[in-house]
Amino acid sequence: QGQFVESGGGLVQPGGSLRLSCTSSGSIFSSTGMGWYRQAPGQQHRVVARMTSRGSASYEASVRGRFTVSRDNARNTVYLQMDKLQPEDTAVYYCNDFSPDPSRWGRGTQVTVSL
C-alpha cells in the first residue's frame, strides 16, 4: 500500500466551499475504511470524517452538516466536500486509513479560510 495523495485545497473566504480529493497507488480503502484528518499548526492529526468500507460515514461534531465524504470506486478516489467553511477549518487536510497508518501519511493539502 502506497501513500495517500491529497489535492484540492486552497484559500477561500468564510462561507465558501472546497472539494478535496484523495487517491492512492494502492486500494483507497483498507478492510475497515478510510478517513479524512486535519492538522492545525502545533497540533496533532484530528479526525474530520470517516467512511467504512461499506460506505457508512461519520463526522466530527464541528463539521457535521457542513462536510460530506464520498467515494468513486472506479477512480479509486475519495472526496471531502466542504461547505460553509469557517476560519477554524484552516488546517492541512490528510486522508489515511480508518485507523491511521503512520507510514501512509501524504503531504496533505492546505485549506485556508480567511477574508
C-alpha atoms as a PDB file:
ATOM      1  CA  GLN A   1       0.000   0.000   0.000  1.00  0.00           C
ATOM      2  CA  GLY A   2       1.395   3.339  -1.026  1.00  0.00           C
ATOM      3  CA  GLN A   3       0.998   6.755   0.438  1.00  0.00           C
ATOM      4  CA  PHE A   4      -2.126   8.745   0.041  1.00  0.00           C
ATOM      5  CA  VAL A   5      -2.148  11.827  -2.201  1.00  0.00           C
ATOM      6  CA  GLU A   6      -4.438  14.707  -1.344  1.00  0.00           C
ATOM      7  CA  SER A   7      -5.412  17.652  -3.537  1.00  0.00           C
ATOM      8  CA  GLY A   8      -7.991  20.406  -3.867  1.00  0.00           C
ATOM      9  CA  GLY A   9      -7.051  22.736  -1.044  1.00  0.00           C
ATOM     10  CA  GLY A  10      -6.733  26.489  -1.336  1.00  0.00           C
ATOM     11  CA  LEU A  11      -7.674  29.878   0.031  1.00  0.00           C
ATOM     12  CA  VAL A  12     -11.389  30.527   0.442  1.00  0.00           C
ATOM     13  CA  GLN A  13     -13.479  33.159   2.175  1.00  0.00           C
ATOM     14  CA  PRO A  14     -15.677  32.262   5.139  1.00  0.00           C
ATOM     15  CA  GLY A  15     -18.866  30.643   3.912  1.00  0.00           C
ATOM     16  CA  GLY A  16     -17.158  29.275   0.812  1.00  0.00           C
ATOM     17  CA  SER A  17     -16.695  25.723  -0.380  1.00  0.00           C
ATOM     18  CA  LEU A  18     -13.905  23.400  -1.433  1.00  0.00           C
ATOM     19  CA  ARG A  19     -13.786  19.793  -2.564  1.00  0.00           C
ATOM     20  CA  LEU A  20     -10.773  17.751  -1.571  1.00  0.00           C
ATOM     21  CA  SER A  21      -9.697  14.574  -3.345  1.00  0.00           C
ATOM     22  CA  CYS A  22      -7.694  11.648  -2.058  1.00  0.00           C
ATOM     23  CA  THR A  23      -6.195   8.796  -4.015  1.00  0.00           C
ATOM     24  CA  SER A  24      -3.517   6.187  -3.535  1.00  0.00           C
ATOM     25  CA  SER A  25      -1.342   3.855  -5.573  1.00  0.00           C
ATOM     26  CA  GLY A  26      -2.929   1.009  -3.651  1.00  0.00           C
ATOM     27  CA  SER A  27      -6.558   0.491  -2.765  1.00  0.00           C
ATOM     28  CA  ILE A  28      -8.055   3.644  -1.326  1.00  0.00           C
ATOM     29  CA  PHE A  29      -9.893   1.588   1.225  1.00  0.00           C
ATOM     30  CA  SER A  30      -8.432  -0.644   3.861  1.00  0.00           C
ATOM     31  CA  SER A  31     -10.527  -3.524   5.170  1.00  0.00           C
ATOM     32  CA  THR A  32     -12.156  -1.133   7.622  1.00  0.00           C
ATOM     33  CA  GLY A  33     -12.409   2.044   5.524  1.00  0.00           C
ATOM     34  CA  MET A  34     -10.679   5.389   5.387  1.00  0.00           C
ATOM     35  CA  GLY A  35     -10.739   8.789   6.984  1.00  0.00           C
ATOM     36  CA  TRP A  36     -10.077  12.468   6.468  1.00  0.00           C
ATOM     37  CA  TYR A  37      -7.932  14.195   9.075  1.00  0.00           C
ATOM     38  CA  ARG A  38      -6.643  17.695   9.602  1.00  0.00           C
ATOM     39  CA  GLN A  39      -3.698  19.178  11.382  1.00  0.00           C
ATOM     40  CA  ALA A  40      -3.564  22.779  12.526  1.00  0.00           C
ATOM     41  CA  PRO A  41      -0.181  24.346  13.409  1.00  0.00           C
ATOM     42  CA  GLY A  42       1.194  22.895  16.621  1.00  0.00           C
ATOM     43  CA  GLN A  43      -1.499  20.245  16.861  1.00  0.00           C
ATOM     44  CA  GLN A  44      -1.750  16.545  16.107  1.00  0.00           C
ATOM     45  CA  HIS A  45      -3.823  14.999  13.346  1.00  0.00           C
ATOM     46  CA  ARG A  46      -7.504  15.074  14.236  1.00  0.00           C
ATOM     47  CA  VAL A  47     -10.234  13.097  12.564  1.00  0.00           C
ATOM     48  CA  VAL A  48     -12.670  15.094  10.453  1.00  0.00           C
ATOM     49  CA  ALA A  49     -14.693  12.366   8.790  1.00  0.00           C
ATOM     50  CA  ARG A  50     -14.556   8.635   8.288  1.00  0.00           C
ATOM     51  CA  MET A  51     -16.162   6.200   5.907  1.00  0.00           C
ATOM     52  CA  THR A  52     -16.345   2.473   6.470  1.00  0.00           C
ATOM     53  CA  SER A  53     -15.653   0.009   3.690  1.00  0.00           C
ATOM     54  CA  ARG A  54     -19.436  -0.421   3.432  1.00  0.00           C
ATOM     55  CA  GLY A  55     -19.909   3.291   2.863  1.00  0.00           C
ATOM     56  CA  SER A  56     -21.191   4.423   6.243  1.00  0.00           C
ATOM     57  CA  ALA A  57     -19.928   7.919   7.056  1.00  0.00           C
ATOM     58  CA  SER A  58     -19.374   9.658  10.374  1.00  0.00           C
ATOM     59  CA  TYR A  59     -18.274  13.201  11.126  1.00  0.00           C
ATOM     60  CA  GLU A  60     -16.582  15.171  13.854  1.00  0.00           C
ATOM     61  CA  ALA A  61     -19.167  17.335  15.594  1.00  0.00           C
ATOM     62  CA  SER A  62     -17.873  20.710  14.371  1.00  0.00           C
ATOM     63  CA  VAL A  63     -18.152  19.727  10.692  1.00  0.00           C
ATOM     64  CA  ARG A  64     -21.322  17.673  10.795  1.00  0.00           C
ATOM     65  CA  GLY A  65     -23.855  19.122   8.366  1.00  0.00           C
ATOM     66  CA  ARG A  66     -21.169  21.092   6.509  1.00  0.00           C
ATOM     67  CA  PHE A  67     -18.782  18.412   5.249  1.00  0.00           C
ATOM     68  CA  THR A  68     -19.643  15.342   3.183  1.00  0.00           C
ATOM     69  CA  VAL A  69     -17.388  12.400   2.388  1.00  0.00           C
ATOM     70  CA  SER A  70     -17.993  10.358  -0.748  1.00  0.00           C
ATOM     71  CA  ARG A  71     -16.104   7.921  -2.913  1.00  0.00           C
ATOM     72  CA  ASP A  72     -15.684   6.899  -6.532  1.00  0.00           C
ATOM     73  CA  ASN A  73     -14.591   3.285  -6.591  1.00  0.00           C
ATOM     74  CA  ALA A  74     -13.887   3.342 -10.324  1.00  0.00           C
ATOM     75  CA  ARG A  75     -11.407   6.168  -9.820  1.00  0.00           C
ATOM     76  CA  ASN A  76     -10.077   4.808  -6.523  1.00  0.00           C
ATOM     77  CA  THR A  77     -10.732   8.273  -5.121  1.00  0.00           C
ATOM     78  CA  VAL A  78     -12.410   9.623  -2.029  1.00  0.00           C
ATOM     79  CA  TYR A  79     -13.710  13.164  -1.762  1.00  0.00           C
ATOM     80  CA  LEU A  80     -14.419  15.587   1.043  1.00  0.00           C
ATOM     81  CA  GLN A  81     -16.942  18.259   0.097  1.00  0.00           C
ATOM     82  CA  MET A  82     -16.571  21.156   2.494  1.00  0.00           C
ATOM     83  CA  ASP A  83     -19.292  23.799   2.591  1.00  0.00           C
ATOM     84  CA  LYS A  84     -19.868  26.819   4.826  1.00  0.00           C
ATOM     85  CA  LEU A  85     -16.175  26.905   5.644  1.00  0.00           C
ATOM     86  CA  GLN A  86     -15.120  28.811   8.725  1.00  0.00           C
ATOM     87  CA  PRO A  87     -11.737  30.231   9.769  1.00  0.00           C
ATOM     88  CA  GLU A  88     -11.381  27.466  12.363  1.00  0.00           C
ATOM     89  CA  ASP A  89     -11.386  24.943   9.499  1.00  0.00           C
ATOM     90  CA  THR A  90      -7.976  26.254   8.450  1.00  0.00           C
ATOM     91  CA  ALA A  91      -5.516  23.347   8.542  1.00  0.00           C
ATOM     92  CA  VAL A  92      -3.620  20.874   6.414  1.00  0.00           C
ATOM     93  CA  TYR A  93      -6.000  18.106   5.425  1.00  0.00           C
ATOM     94  CA  TYR A  94      -4.917  14.493   5.020  1.00  0.00           C
ATOM     95  CA  CYS A  95      -6.506  11.181   4.236  1.00  0.00           C
ATOM     96  CA  ASN A  96      -5.459   7.863   5.677  1.00  0.00           C
ATOM     97  CA  ASP A  97      -6.887   4.551   6.751  1.00  0.00           C
ATOM     98  CA  PHE A  98      -9.825   4.327   9.154  1.00  0.00           C
ATOM     99  CA  SER A  99      -7.214   3.736  11.852  1.00  0.00           C
ATOM    100  CA  PRO A 100      -4.364   5.875  10.508  1.00  0.00           C
ATOM    101  CA  ASP A 101      -1.277   4.063   9.270  1.00  0.00           C
ATOM    102  CA  PRO A 102       1.731   6.259  10.138  1.00  0.00           C
ATOM    103  CA  SER A 103       3.597   5.037   7.062  1.00  0.00           C
ATOM    104  CA  ARG A 104       0.868   6.237   4.696  1.00  0.00           C
ATOM    105  CA  TRP A 105       0.590   9.923   5.611  1.00  0.00           C
ATOM    106  CA  GLY A 106       0.954  12.001   2.481  1.00  0.00           C
ATOM    107  CA  ARG A 107       1.829  15.673   2.168  1.00  0.00           C
ATOM    108  CA  GLY A 108      -1.716  16.807   2.724  1.00  0.00           C
ATOM    109  CA  THR A 109      -3.427  19.781   1.149  1.00  0.00           C
ATOM    110  CA  GLN A 110      -3.598  23.212   2.774  1.00  0.00           C
ATOM    111  CA  VAL A 111      -7.010  24.735   3.396  1.00  0.00           C
ATOM    112  CA  THR A 112      -7.049  28.377   4.471  1.00  0.00           C
ATOM    113  CA  VAL A 113     -10.301  30.132   5.305  1.00  0.00           C
ATOM    114  CA  SER A 114      -9.811  33.871   5.537  1.00  0.00           C
ATOM    115  CA  LEU A 115     -11.130  37.182   4.273  1.00  0.00           C
END
